[in-house]
C-alpha atoms as a PDB file:
ATOM      1  CA  UNK A   1     -10.921  41.692  68.829  1.00  0.00           C
ATOM      2  CA  UNK A   2     -12.567  42.503  65.529  1.00  0.00           C
ATOM      3  CA  UNK A   3     -10.856  40.680  62.693  1.00  0.00           C
ATOM      4  CA  UNK A   4      -8.995  42.671  60.064  1.00  0.00           C
ATOM      5  CA  UNK A   5      -8.776  41.604  56.450  1.00  0.00           C
ATOM      6  CA  UNK A   6      -5.462  41.804  54.638  1.00  0.00           C
ATOM      7  CA  UNK A   7      -6.921  44.606  52.550  1.00  0.00           C
ATOM      8  CA  UNK A   8      -7.569  46.653  55.691  1.00  0.00           C
ATOM      9  CA  UNK A   9      -4.100  45.996  57.089  1.00  0.00           C
ATOM     10  CA  UNK A  10      -1.677  44.681  54.455  1.00  0.00           C
ATOM     11  CA  UNK A  11       1.344  44.450  56.743  1.00  0.00           C
ATOM     12  CA  UNK A  12       4.180  42.138  55.758  1.00  0.00           C
ATOM     13  CA  UNK A  13       4.803  39.320  58.278  1.00  0.00           C
ATOM     14  CA  UNK A  14       7.655  39.499  60.758  1.00  0.00           C
ATOM     15  CA  UNK A  15       7.353  43.098  61.941  1.00  0.00           C
ATOM     16  CA  UNK A  16       7.702  42.896  65.743  1.00  0.00           C
ATOM     17  CA  UNK A  17       8.919  46.453  66.283  1.00  0.00           C
ATOM     18  CA  UNK A  18       5.841  48.548  67.133  1.00  0.00           C
ATOM     19  CA  UNK A  19       7.694  49.882  70.189  1.00  0.00           C
ATOM     20  CA  UNK A  20       9.830  51.786  67.656  1.00  0.00           C
ATOM     21  CA  UNK A  21       7.137  52.702  65.125  1.00  0.00           C
ATOM     22  CA  UNK A  22       3.673  51.366  64.407  1.00  0.00           C
ATOM     23  CA  UNK A  23       2.533  50.319  60.940  1.00  0.00           C
ATOM     24  CA  UNK A  24       0.139  52.608  59.100  1.00  0.00           C
ATOM     25  CA  UNK A  25      -3.310  51.175  58.340  1.00  0.00           C
ATOM     26  CA  UNK A  26      -4.134  50.971  54.648  1.00  0.00           C
ATOM     27  CA  UNK A  27      -6.717  53.755  54.748  1.00  0.00           C
ATOM     28  CA  UNK A  28      -4.333  56.081  56.623  1.00  0.00           C
ATOM     29  CA  UNK A  29      -1.684  55.468  53.988  1.00  0.00           C
ATOM     30  CA  UNK A  30      -4.231  56.117  51.227  1.00  0.00           C
ATOM     31  CA  UNK A  31      -5.312  59.389  52.868  1.00  0.00           C
ATOM     32  CA  UNK A  32      -1.689  60.499  53.081  1.00  0.00           C
ATOM     33  CA  UNK A  33      -1.052  59.691  49.426  1.00  0.00           C
ATOM     34  CA  UNK A  34      -4.135  61.640  48.403  1.00  0.00           C
ATOM     35  CA  UNK A  35      -3.054  64.625  50.506  1.00  0.00           C
ATOM     36  CA  UNK A  36       0.462  64.565  49.063  1.00  0.00           C
ATOM     37  CA  UNK A  37      -0.941  64.411  45.544  1.00  0.00           C
ATOM     38  CA  UNK A  38      -3.233  67.328  46.326  1.00  0.00           C
ATOM     39  CA  UNK A  39      -0.360  69.382  47.678  1.00  0.00           C
ATOM     40  CA  UNK A  40       1.699  68.612  44.592  1.00  0.00           C
ATOM     41  CA  UNK A  41      -1.052  69.336  42.079  1.00  0.00           C
ATOM     42  CA  UNK A  42      -2.642  72.445  43.562  1.00  0.00           C
ATOM     43  CA  UNK A  43      -5.703  70.677  44.947  1.00  0.00           C
ATOM     44  CA  UNK A  44      -5.037  71.374  48.610  1.00  0.00           C
ATOM     45  CA  UNK A  45      -7.962  70.742  50.941  1.00  0.00           C
ATOM     46  CA  UNK A  46      -6.977  72.941  53.849  1.00  0.00           C
ATOM     47  CA  UNK A  47     -10.429  72.849  55.511  1.00  0.00           C
ATOM     48  CA  UNK A  48     -10.211  69.062  55.329  1.00  0.00           C
ATOM     49  CA  UNK A  49      -6.729  69.078  56.826  1.00  0.00           C
ATOM     50  CA  UNK A  50      -7.865  71.193  59.765  1.00  0.00           C
ATOM     51  CA  UNK A  51     -10.826  68.872  60.122  1.00  0.00           C
ATOM     52  CA  UNK A  52      -8.430  65.939  60.414  1.00  0.00           C
ATOM     53  CA  UNK A  53      -6.590  67.691  63.258  1.00  0.00           C
ATOM     54  CA  UNK A  54      -9.820  68.149  65.186  1.00  0.00           C
ATOM     55  CA  UNK A  55     -10.982  64.603  64.437  1.00  0.00           C
ATOM     56  CA  UNK A  56      -7.677  63.273  65.785  1.00  0.00           C
ATOM     57  CA  UNK A  57      -8.027  65.416  68.920  1.00  0.00           C
ATOM     58  CA  UNK A  58     -11.555  64.156  69.555  1.00  0.00           C
ATOM     59  CA  UNK A  59     -10.702  60.514  68.997  1.00  0.00           C
ATOM     60  CA  UNK A  60      -7.587  60.653  71.150  1.00  0.00           C
ATOM     61  CA  UNK A  61      -9.582  62.353  73.912  1.00  0.00           C
ATOM     62  CA  UNK A  62     -12.058  59.493  73.816  1.00  0.00           C
ATOM     63  CA  UNK A  63      -9.264  56.937  74.039  1.00  0.00           C
ATOM     64  CA  UNK A  64      -7.953  58.512  77.269  1.00  0.00           C
ATOM     65  CA  UNK A  65     -11.408  59.248  78.712  1.00  0.00           C
ATOM     66  CA  UNK A  66     -11.234  63.048  78.634  1.00  0.00           C
ATOM     67  CA  UNK A  67     -13.176  65.772  76.809  1.00  0.00           C
ATOM     68  CA  UNK A  68     -11.383  67.267  73.784  1.00  0.00           C
ATOM     69  CA  UNK A  69     -10.914  70.605  75.543  1.00  0.00           C
ATOM     70  CA  UNK A  70      -8.340  68.897  77.793  1.00  0.00           C
ATOM     71  CA  UNK A  71      -6.163  67.810  74.841  1.00  0.00           C
ATOM     72  CA  UNK A  72      -3.581  69.904  73.021  1.00  0.00           C
ATOM     73  CA  UNK A  73      -1.996  68.746  69.785  1.00  0.00           C
ATOM     74  CA  UNK A  74       1.629  69.025  68.745  1.00  0.00           C
ATOM     75  CA  UNK A  75       4.458  67.281  66.979  1.00  0.00           C
ATOM     76  CA  UNK A  76       6.684  65.709  69.644  1.00  0.00           C
ATOM     77  CA  UNK A  77       6.761  64.506  73.229  1.00  0.00           C
ATOM     78  CA  UNK A  78       9.803  66.624  74.097  1.00  0.00           C
ATOM     79  CA  UNK A  79       8.078  69.831  72.978  1.00  0.00           C
ATOM     80  CA  UNK A  80       5.060  69.047  75.156  1.00  0.00           C
ATOM     81  CA  UNK A  81       7.290  68.182  78.122  1.00  0.00           C
ATOM     82  CA  UNK A  82       9.279  71.361  77.535  1.00  0.00           C
ATOM     83  CA  UNK A  83       6.082  73.361  77.979  1.00  0.00           C
ATOM     84  CA  UNK A  84       5.628  71.790  81.415  1.00  0.00           C
ATOM     85  CA  UNK A  85       9.300  72.209  82.315  1.00  0.00           C
ATOM     86  CA  UNK A  86       9.249  75.928  81.515  1.00  0.00           C
ATOM     87  CA  UNK A  87       6.106  76.412  83.622  1.00  0.00           C
ATOM     88  CA  UNK A  88       7.575  74.983  86.842  1.00  0.00           C
ATOM     89  CA  UNK A  89       8.824  77.385  89.522  1.00  0.00           C
ATOM     90  CA  UNK A  90      12.572  77.615  90.049  1.00  0.00           C
ATOM     91  CA  UNK A  91      13.796  75.149  92.654  1.00  0.00           C
ATOM     92  CA  UNK A  92      11.168  72.508  91.838  1.00  0.00           C
ATOM     93  CA  UNK A  93      12.298  68.901  92.292  1.00  0.00           C
ATOM     94  CA  UNK A  94      11.327  66.663  89.375  1.00  0.00           C
ATOM     95  CA  UNK A  95      11.412  62.971  90.252  1.00  0.00           C
ATOM     96  CA  UNK A  96      11.797  60.352  87.528  1.00  0.00           C
ATOM     97  CA  UNK A  97      12.951  56.783  86.980  1.00  0.00           C
ATOM     98  CA  UNK A  98      16.481  55.870  86.002  1.00  0.00           C
ATOM     99  CA  UNK A  99      16.803  54.933  82.340  1.00  0.00           C
ATOM    100  CA  UNK A 100      13.678  56.810  81.237  1.00  0.00           C
ATOM    101  CA  UNK A 101      13.175  57.686  77.588  1.00  0.00           C
ATOM    102  CA  UNK A 102      15.140  60.883  77.044  1.00  0.00           C
ATOM    103  CA  UNK A 103      12.259  62.964  75.637  1.00  0.00           C
ATOM    104  CA  UNK A 104      10.484  62.728  78.991  1.00  0.00           C
ATOM    105  CA  UNK A 105      13.380  63.810  81.194  1.00  0.00           C
ATOM    106  CA  UNK A 106      15.826  65.893  79.149  1.00  0.00           C
ATOM    107  CA  UNK A 107      13.619  69.044  79.012  1.00  0.00           C
ATOM    108  CA  UNK A 108      13.704  69.134  82.822  1.00  0.00           C
ATOM    109  CA  UNK A 109      17.471  68.571  82.947  1.00  0.00           C
ATOM    110  CA  UNK A 110      18.115  71.536  80.649  1.00  0.00           C
ATOM    111  CA  UNK A 111      15.667  73.932  82.305  1.00  0.00           C
ATOM    112  CA  UNK A 112      17.798  76.088  84.618  1.00  0.00           C
ATOM    113  CA  UNK A 113      16.703  76.094  88.229  1.00  0.00           C
ATOM    114  CA  UNK A 114      15.045  72.682  88.372  1.00  0.00           C
ATOM    115  CA  UNK A 115      16.374  69.725  90.369  1.00  0.00           C
ATOM    116  CA  UNK A 116      16.086  66.409  88.530  1.00  0.00           C
ATOM    117  CA  UNK A 117      16.274  63.350  90.807  1.00  0.00           C
ATOM    118  CA  UNK A 118      16.433  59.869  89.304  1.00  0.00           C
ATOM    119  CA  UNK A 119      15.675  56.668  91.226  1.00  0.00           C
ATOM    120  CA  UNK A 120      14.991  53.036  90.257  1.00  0.00           C
ATOM    121  CA  UNK A 121      11.540  52.564  88.753  1.00  0.00           C
ATOM    122  CA  UNK A 122      10.524  50.036  91.395  1.00  0.00           C
ATOM    123  CA  UNK A 123      11.111  52.601  94.147  1.00  0.00           C
ATOM    124  CA  UNK A 124       9.589  55.615  92.439  1.00  0.00           C
ATOM    125  CA  UNK A 125       6.440  55.851  94.586  1.00  0.00           C
ATOM    126  CA  UNK A 126       8.433  55.468  97.803  1.00  0.00           C
ATOM    127  CA  UNK A 127      10.867  58.184  96.682  1.00  0.00           C
ATOM    128  CA  UNK A 128       8.178  60.876  96.471  1.00  0.00           C
ATOM    129  CA  UNK A 129       8.635  63.286  99.344  1.00  0.00           C
ATOM    130  CA  UNK A 130       7.506  66.679 100.624  1.00  0.00           C
ATOM    131  CA  UNK A 131      10.113  68.392  98.434  1.00  0.00           C
ATOM    132  CA  UNK A 132       8.915  66.776  95.203  1.00  0.00           C
ATOM    133  CA  UNK A 133       7.057  69.086  92.851  1.00  0.00           C
ATOM    134  CA  UNK A 134       6.491  66.783  89.871  1.00  0.00           C
ATOM    135  CA  UNK A 135       6.762  63.050  89.220  1.00  0.00           C
ATOM    136  CA  UNK A 136       7.423  62.172  85.565  1.00  0.00           C
ATOM    137  CA  UNK A 137       7.203  58.530  84.502  1.00  0.00           C
ATOM    138  CA  UNK A 138       6.405  56.395  81.470  1.00  0.00           C
ATOM    139  CA  UNK A 139       3.488  54.035  81.915  1.00  0.00           C
ATOM    140  CA  UNK A 140       5.574  51.366  80.156  1.00  0.00           C
ATOM    141  CA  UNK A 141       9.335  51.651  79.935  1.00  0.00           C
ATOM    142  CA  UNK A 142      10.693  51.876  76.404  1.00  0.00           C
ATOM    143  CA  UNK A 143      13.866  49.879  77.032  1.00  0.00           C
ATOM    144  CA  UNK A 144      12.369  46.699  78.458  1.00  0.00           C
ATOM    145  CA  UNK A 145       8.579  47.060  78.719  1.00  0.00           C
ATOM    146  CA  UNK A 146       8.529  47.361  82.511  1.00  0.00           C
ATOM    147  CA  UNK A 147       5.161  48.729  83.718  1.00  0.00           C
ATOM    148  CA  UNK A 148       5.077  51.547  86.249  1.00  0.00           C
ATOM    149  CA  UNK A 149       2.960  51.242  89.386  1.00  0.00           C
ATOM    150  CA  UNK A 150       0.850  54.220  88.362  1.00  0.00           C
ATOM    151  CA  UNK A 151      -1.762  53.943  91.120  1.00  0.00           C
ATOM    152  CA  UNK A 152       0.892  53.923  93.837  1.00  0.00           C
ATOM    153  CA  UNK A 153       2.792  56.779  92.187  1.00  0.00           C
ATOM    154  CA  UNK A 154      -0.355  58.902  91.879  1.00  0.00           C
ATOM    155  CA  UNK A 155      -1.291  58.198  95.499  1.00  0.00           C
ATOM    156  CA  UNK A 156       2.158  59.146  96.782  1.00  0.00           C
ATOM    157  CA  UNK A 157       2.238  62.290  94.653  1.00  0.00           C
ATOM    158  CA  UNK A 158      -1.183  63.346  95.884  1.00  0.00           C
ATOM    159  CA  UNK A 159      -0.179  62.759  99.486  1.00  0.00           C
ATOM    160  CA  UNK A 160       2.829  65.060  99.119  1.00  0.00           C
ATOM    161  CA  UNK A 161       1.190  67.677  96.901  1.00  0.00           C
ATOM    162  CA  UNK A 162       3.247  66.803  93.816  1.00  0.00           C
ATOM    163  CA  UNK A 163       1.932  66.943  90.253  1.00  0.00           C
ATOM    164  CA  UNK A 164       2.114  63.914  87.946  1.00  0.00           C
ATOM    165  CA  UNK A 165       3.165  63.564  84.318  1.00  0.00           C
ATOM    166  CA  UNK A 166       2.730  60.178  82.639  1.00  0.00           C
ATOM    167  CA  UNK A 167       4.168  59.391  79.222  1.00  0.00           C
ATOM    168  CA  UNK A 168       1.781  56.902  77.596  1.00  0.00           C
ATOM    169  CA  UNK A 169       3.634  56.603  74.293  1.00  0.00           C
ATOM    170  CA  UNK A 170       4.271  52.899  74.896  1.00  0.00           C
ATOM    171  CA  UNK A 171       0.769  52.092  76.143  1.00  0.00           C
ATOM    172  CA  UNK A 172      -2.029  54.171  74.608  1.00  0.00           C
ATOM    173  CA  UNK A 173      -3.369  52.030  71.819  1.00  0.00           C
ATOM    174  CA  UNK A 174      -3.423  48.769  73.780  1.00  0.00           C
ATOM    175  CA  UNK A 175      -3.868  49.783  77.430  1.00  0.00           C
ATOM    176  CA  UNK A 176      -6.968  51.797  78.445  1.00  0.00           C
ATOM    177  CA  UNK A 177      -6.028  54.613  80.803  1.00  0.00           C
ATOM    178  CA  UNK A 178      -8.018  57.427  82.422  1.00  0.00           C
ATOM    179  CA  UNK A 179      -5.823  60.460  81.830  1.00  0.00           C
ATOM    180  CA  UNK A 180      -7.916  62.397  84.329  1.00  0.00           C
ATOM    181  CA  UNK A 181      -6.179  60.499  87.140  1.00  0.00           C
ATOM    182  CA  UNK A 182      -2.995  62.470  86.446  1.00  0.00           C
ATOM    183  CA  UNK A 183      -2.193  66.152  86.053  1.00  0.00           C
ATOM    184  CA  UNK A 184      -0.616  65.648  82.641  1.00  0.00           C
ATOM    185  CA  UNK A 185      -0.192  62.840  80.163  1.00  0.00           C
ATOM    186  CA  UNK A 186       1.811  62.955  76.960  1.00  0.00           C
ATOM    187  CA  UNK A 187       1.749  60.567  74.025  1.00  0.00           C
ATOM    188  CA  UNK A 188       3.767  60.237  70.850  1.00  0.00           C
ATOM    189  CA  UNK A 189       1.171  58.669  68.568  1.00  0.00           C
ATOM    190  CA  UNK A 190       3.496  57.015  66.054  1.00  0.00           C
ATOM    191  CA  UNK A 191       3.904  53.775  67.992  1.00  0.00           C
ATOM    192  CA  UNK A 192       0.908  51.809  69.312  1.00  0.00           C
ATOM    193  CA  UNK A 193      -1.551  54.356  67.862  1.00  0.00           C
ATOM    194  CA  UNK A 194      -0.170  53.720  64.349  1.00  0.00           C
ATOM    195  CA  UNK A 195       0.045  57.385  63.336  1.00  0.00           C
ATOM    196  CA  UNK A 196       2.734  59.023  61.215  1.00  0.00           C
ATOM    197  CA  UNK A 197       5.570  60.521  63.227  1.00  0.00           C
ATOM    198  CA  UNK A 198       4.711  64.158  63.923  1.00  0.00           C
ATOM    199  CA  UNK A 199       1.409  63.689  65.780  1.00  0.00           C
ATOM    200  CA  UNK A 200       1.524  63.931  69.556  1.00  0.00           C
ATOM    201  CA  UNK A 201      -0.907  64.807  72.322  1.00  0.00           C
ATOM    202  CA  UNK A 202      -0.706  66.423  75.743  1.00  0.00           C
ATOM    203  CA  UNK A 203      -3.548  66.305  78.256  1.00  0.00           C
ATOM    204  CA  UNK A 204      -3.730  69.164  80.733  1.00  0.00           C
ATOM    205  CA  UNK A 205      -5.841  70.201  83.748  1.00  0.00           C
ATOM    206  CA  UNK A 206      -9.081  72.100  83.091  1.00  0.00           C
ATOM    207  CA  UNK A 207      -8.186  75.492  81.689  1.00  0.00           C
ATOM    208  CA  UNK A 208      -4.546  74.448  81.385  1.00  0.00           C
ATOM    209  CA  UNK A 209      -3.742  74.662  85.086  1.00  0.00           C
ATOM    210  CA  UNK A 210      -0.472  76.510  85.766  1.00  0.00           C
ATOM    211  CA  UNK A 211       0.907  76.090  82.240  1.00  0.00           C
ATOM    212  CA  UNK A 212       1.966  79.230  80.397  1.00  0.00           C
ATOM    213  CA  UNK A 213       1.866  79.156  76.560  1.00  0.00           C
ATOM    214  CA  UNK A 214       5.421  79.305  75.216  1.00  0.00           C
ATOM    215  CA  UNK A 215       4.865  79.744  71.486  1.00  0.00           C
ATOM    216  CA  UNK A 216       1.276  80.853  70.887  1.00  0.00           C
ATOM    217  CA  UNK A 217       0.206  81.696  67.359  1.00  0.00           C
ATOM    218  CA  UNK A 218      -3.033  82.069  65.427  1.00  0.00           C
ATOM    219  CA  UNK A 219      -3.640  78.329  66.019  1.00  0.00           C
ATOM    220  CA  UNK A 220      -4.005  78.991  69.762  1.00  0.00           C
ATOM    221  CA  UNK A 221      -6.462  81.881  69.368  1.00  0.00           C
ATOM    222  CA  UNK A 222     -10.113  81.847  70.373  1.00  0.00           C
ATOM    223  CA  UNK A 223     -10.923  82.363  66.699  1.00  0.00           C
ATOM    224  CA  UNK A 224      -7.973  81.111  64.626  1.00  0.00           C
ATOM    225  CA  UNK A 225      -9.485  82.076  61.281  1.00  0.00           C
ATOM    226  CA  UNK A 226      -9.595  85.773  62.196  1.00  0.00           C
ATOM    227  CA  UNK A 227      -6.267  85.839  64.034  1.00  0.00           C
ATOM    228  CA  UNK A 228      -3.707  85.296  61.292  1.00  0.00           C
ATOM    229  CA  UNK A 229      -2.610  88.953  61.102  1.00  0.00           C
ATOM    230  CA  UNK A 230      -1.192  91.009  63.925  1.00  0.00           C
ATOM    231  CA  UNK A 231      -0.928  90.045  67.566  1.00  0.00           C
ATOM    232  CA  UNK A 232      -3.469  87.469  68.714  1.00  0.00           C
ATOM    233  CA  UNK A 233      -5.853  89.315  70.993  1.00  0.00           C
ATOM    234  CA  UNK A 234      -7.218  86.391  72.973  1.00  0.00           C
ATOM    235  CA  UNK A 235      -6.079  82.812  73.410  1.00  0.00           C
ATOM    236  CA  UNK A 236      -8.476  79.864  73.576  1.00  0.00           C
ATOM    237  CA  UNK A 237      -9.707  79.247  77.126  1.00  0.00           C
ATOM    238  CA  UNK A 238      -8.947  75.507  77.012  1.00  0.00           C
ATOM    239  CA  UNK A 239      -6.093  73.186  75.999  1.00  0.00           C
ATOM    240  CA  UNK A 240      -6.113  74.577  72.483  1.00  0.00           C
ATOM    241  CA  UNK A 241      -4.252  77.643  73.797  1.00  0.00           C
ATOM    242  CA  UNK A 242      -1.159  75.424  73.824  1.00  0.00           C
ATOM    243  CA  UNK A 243      -1.585  74.226  70.228  1.00  0.00           C
ATOM    244  CA  UNK A 244       1.079  75.040  67.691  1.00  0.00           C
ATOM    245  CA  UNK A 245       0.381  75.394  63.991  1.00  0.00           C
ATOM    246  CA  UNK A 246      -0.369  71.804  62.962  1.00  0.00           C
ATOM    247  CA  UNK A 247       1.640  69.758  60.488  1.00  0.00           C
ATOM    248  CA  UNK A 248      -1.120  68.645  58.115  1.00  0.00           C
ATOM    249  CA  UNK A 249       0.215  65.342  56.810  1.00  0.00           C
ATOM    250  CA  UNK A 250       0.770  63.611  60.173  1.00  0.00           C
ATOM    251  CA  UNK A 251      -2.748  64.508  61.254  1.00  0.00           C
ATOM    252  CA  UNK A 252      -4.343  63.443  57.975  1.00  0.00           C
ATOM    253  CA  UNK A 253      -2.971  59.988  58.719  1.00  0.00           C
ATOM    254  CA  UNK A 254      -3.579  60.217  62.470  1.00  0.00           C
ATOM    255  CA  UNK A 255      -7.307  60.821  62.076  1.00  0.00           C
ATOM    256  CA  UNK A 256      -7.646  57.500  60.207  1.00  0.00           C
ATOM    257  CA  UNK A 257      -5.293  55.520  62.437  1.00  0.00           C
ATOM    258  CA  UNK A 258      -6.905  56.677  65.673  1.00  0.00           C
ATOM    259  CA  UNK A 259     -10.347  55.863  64.298  1.00  0.00           C
ATOM    260  CA  UNK A 260      -9.205  52.293  63.651  1.00  0.00           C
ATOM    261  CA  UNK A 261      -7.861  51.893  67.195  1.00  0.00           C
ATOM    262  CA  UNK A 262     -11.107  53.292  68.604  1.00  0.00           C
ATOM    263  CA  UNK A 263     -13.155  50.921  66.445  1.00  0.00           C
ATOM    264  CA  UNK A 264     -11.196  47.848  67.499  1.00  0.00           C
ATOM    265  CA  UNK A 265     -11.094  48.891  71.154  1.00  0.00           C
ATOM    266  CA  UNK A 266      -7.983  49.205  73.281  1.00  0.00           C
ATOM    267  CA  UNK A 267      -9.123  46.470  75.631  1.00  0.00           C
ATOM    268  CA  UNK A 268      -9.484  43.925  72.838  1.00  0.00           C
ATOM    269  CA  UNK A 269      -6.215  45.030  71.243  1.00  0.00           C
ATOM    270  CA  UNK A 270      -4.455  44.690  74.585  1.00  0.00           C
ATOM    271  CA  UNK A 271      -5.828  41.197  75.162  1.00  0.00           C
ATOM    272  CA  UNK A 272      -4.430  40.104  71.804  1.00  0.00           C
ATOM    273  CA  UNK A 273      -1.057  41.819  72.287  1.00  0.00           C
ATOM    274  CA  UNK A 274      -0.552  40.493  75.801  1.00  0.00           C
ATOM    275  CA  UNK A 275      -1.523  36.951  74.816  1.00  0.00           C
ATOM    276  CA  UNK A 276       1.159  36.884  72.109  1.00  0.00           C
ATOM    277  CA  UNK A 277       3.766  38.322  74.484  1.00  0.00           C
ATOM    278  CA  UNK A 278       2.824  35.821  77.193  1.00  0.00           C
ATOM    279  CA  UNK A 279       3.174  32.916  74.758  1.00  0.00           C
ATOM    280  CA  UNK A 280       6.583  34.217  73.702  1.00  0.00           C
ATOM    281  CA  UNK A 281       7.752  34.619  77.306  1.00  0.00           C
ATOM    282  CA  UNK A 282       6.449  31.187  78.304  1.00  0.00           C
ATOM    283  CA  UNK A 283       8.491  29.476  75.601  1.00  0.00           C
ATOM    284  CA  UNK A 284      11.596  31.423  76.570  1.00  0.00           C
ATOM    285  CA  UNK A 285      11.064  30.410  80.197  1.00  0.00           C
ATOM    286  CA  UNK A 286      10.971  26.754  79.158  1.00  0.00           C
ATOM    287  CA  UNK A 287      14.420  27.247  77.660  1.00  0.00           C
ATOM    288  CA  UNK A 288      15.638  28.685  80.950  1.00  0.00           C
ATOM    289  CA  UNK A 289      15.663  32.223  79.521  1.00  0.00           C
ATOM    290  CA  UNK A 290      13.017  34.177  81.424  1.00  0.00           C
ATOM    291  CA  UNK A 291      12.516  37.633  79.932  1.00  0.00           C
ATOM    292  CA  UNK A 292      10.193  40.581  80.109  1.00  0.00           C
ATOM    293  CA  UNK A 293       7.385  41.644  82.404  1.00  0.00           C
ATOM    294  CA  UNK A 294       3.847  40.375  82.758  1.00  0.00           C
ATOM    295  CA  UNK A 295       1.294  42.947  81.644  1.00  0.00           C
ATOM    296  CA  UNK A 296       3.405  44.295  78.780  1.00  0.00           C
ATOM    297  CA  UNK A 297       3.440  43.482  75.055  1.00  0.00           C
ATOM    298  CA  UNK A 298       7.130  44.433  74.989  1.00  0.00           C
ATOM    299  CA  UNK A 299       9.565  41.607  75.686  1.00  0.00           C
ATOM    300  CA  UNK A 300      13.258  42.444  75.991  1.00  0.00           C
ATOM    301  CA  UNK A 301      15.554  39.438  75.624  1.00  0.00           C
ATOM    302  CA  UNK A 302      19.269  39.591  76.525  1.00  0.00           C
ATOM    303  CA  UNK A 303      21.135  39.553  73.223  1.00  0.00           C
ATOM    304  CA  UNK A 304      23.260  36.493  72.514  1.00  0.00           C
ATOM    305  CA  UNK A 305      25.827  36.124  69.727  1.00  0.00           C
ATOM    306  CA  UNK A 306      24.200  35.653  66.347  1.00  0.00           C
ATOM    307  CA  UNK A 307      20.630  36.202  67.565  1.00  0.00           C
ATOM    308  CA  UNK A 308      20.052  39.520  65.802  1.00  0.00           C
ATOM    309  CA  UNK A 309      21.460  38.134  62.577  1.00  0.00           C
ATOM    310  CA  UNK A 310      19.297  35.008  62.801  1.00  0.00           C
ATOM    311  CA  UNK A 311      16.169  37.089  63.320  1.00  0.00           C
ATOM    312  CA  UNK A 312      17.014  39.335  60.375  1.00  0.00           C
ATOM    313  CA  UNK A 313      17.654  36.316  58.163  1.00  0.00           C
ATOM    314  CA  UNK A 314      14.229  34.948  59.133  1.00  0.00           C
ATOM    315  CA  UNK A 315      12.559  38.249  58.239  1.00  0.00           C
ATOM    316  CA  UNK A 316      11.809  39.135  61.863  1.00  0.00           C
ATOM    317  CA  UNK A 317      12.158  42.859  62.598  1.00  0.00           C
ATOM    318  CA  UNK A 318      13.096  43.867  66.165  1.00  0.00           C
ATOM    319  CA  UNK A 319      15.225  46.574  67.825  1.00  0.00           C
ATOM    320  CA  UNK A 320      18.435  46.441  69.841  1.00  0.00           C
ATOM    321  CA  UNK A 321      18.151  48.313  73.128  1.00  0.00           C
ATOM    322  CA  UNK A 322      20.651  48.393  76.005  1.00  0.00           C
ATOM    323  CA  UNK A 323      22.115  44.957  75.340  1.00  0.00           C
ATOM    324  CA  UNK A 324      18.734  43.403  74.655  1.00  0.00           C
ATOM    325  CA  UNK A 325      16.631  42.461  71.660  1.00  0.00           C
ATOM    326  CA  UNK A 326      13.262  44.156  72.051  1.00  0.00           C
ATOM    327  CA  UNK A 327      10.191  42.412  70.670  1.00  0.00           C
ATOM    328  CA  UNK A 328       6.857  44.269  70.546  1.00  0.00           C
ATOM    329  CA  UNK A 329       3.593  42.482  69.708  1.00  0.00           C
ATOM    330  CA  UNK A 330       0.567  44.359  68.340  1.00  0.00           C
ATOM    331  CA  UNK A 331      -2.802  43.426  66.875  1.00  0.00           C
ATOM    332  CA  UNK A 332      -1.477  42.899  63.370  1.00  0.00           C
ATOM    333  CA  UNK A 333       0.884  40.210  64.673  1.00  0.00           C
ATOM    334  CA  UNK A 334      -0.001  36.509  64.802  1.00  0.00           C
ATOM    335  CA  UNK A 335       1.037  33.319  66.562  1.00  0.00           C
ATOM    336  CA  UNK A 336       2.896  32.326  63.396  1.00  0.00           C
ATOM    337  CA  UNK A 337       5.107  35.370  63.849  1.00  0.00           C
ATOM    338  CA  UNK A 338       5.744  34.411  67.477  1.00  0.00           C
ATOM    339  CA  UNK A 339       6.786  30.953  66.248  1.00  0.00           C
ATOM    340  CA  UNK A 340       9.080  32.444  63.607  1.00  0.00           C
ATOM    341  CA  UNK A 341      10.816  34.620  66.186  1.00  0.00           C
ATOM    342  CA  UNK A 342      11.243  31.700  68.583  1.00  0.00           C
ATOM    343  CA  UNK A 343      12.594  29.480  65.822  1.00  0.00           C
ATOM    344  CA  UNK A 344      15.194  32.092  64.879  1.00  0.00           C
ATOM    345  CA  UNK A 345      16.303  32.462  68.487  1.00  0.00           C
ATOM    346  CA  UNK A 346      16.484  28.684  68.828  1.00  0.00           C
ATOM    347  CA  UNK A 347      18.612  28.366  65.726  1.00  0.00           C
ATOM    348  CA  UNK A 348      20.970  31.044  67.038  1.00  0.00           C
ATOM    349  CA  UNK A 349      21.502  28.965  70.162  1.00  0.00           C
END
């Protein structure tokens, strides 16, 4: 992986919580400050802000190996998933894993007429049947970092005529993935892609497939600039027809953050992240405390008394999830930080 100087990424040591929120690169933070100052002082650069939205779309598309016309931009995973949920015919069975992140499954649960079926992640592919209309799964589980068997799930869905929706929020940024292998993918970009919260992406079939725009505005028009008054006469023929009016600040930062990830390369980032996680797991295994899953930079350790407090006292930032302490290793983390986390856990007993 390309080395980063402290000036390029001035993160404080001890932050092992990217699975909750990634750290902004220095140039993304600088771009945000400049945009905020401009908005406060009457020097708004609206053409530049729209340019940032399109730059983010293009870069994200490249990261998931699709053309930009297959990517729609938005502000949250649940809003993107809601678009899919509202487009499904009544009676459709949606199959998902137990314990999924709520933004991926709740829109289906609250859409009248759908049947949501939840099964253990390990048996998801085998649970696909002739009555399944959509399989929704995270590539990496938020709670414990468990990876989904995406190839097997896609094969089973294809065999039974079911569509697929993969949430890549916990993987895009360190794990290369061809979004074209699935009907839909959705990604909240504020974690491993290091963007401000409020930038998210949905990939759709060519032309949008069966999706019906739920809240089209001038931003979804063929020609947005000439469509700000009156009813939009014609929507864009591609994924942009599902765009909502963009929040400028998240995308000003996202354009810079995504460019950094693209420059470093997801493969190289993943190698670094996985090596740190593997070293962490190996030491835990030597203590008789096996934890986590191979192939994931997220390591969830059963919480023991005093462990969270010991980590906090050592300046190590992690998250509590479902009775576990969740560690997440990204490219700005080092072996010294792995050692600091292990030392704190050791001291806690």
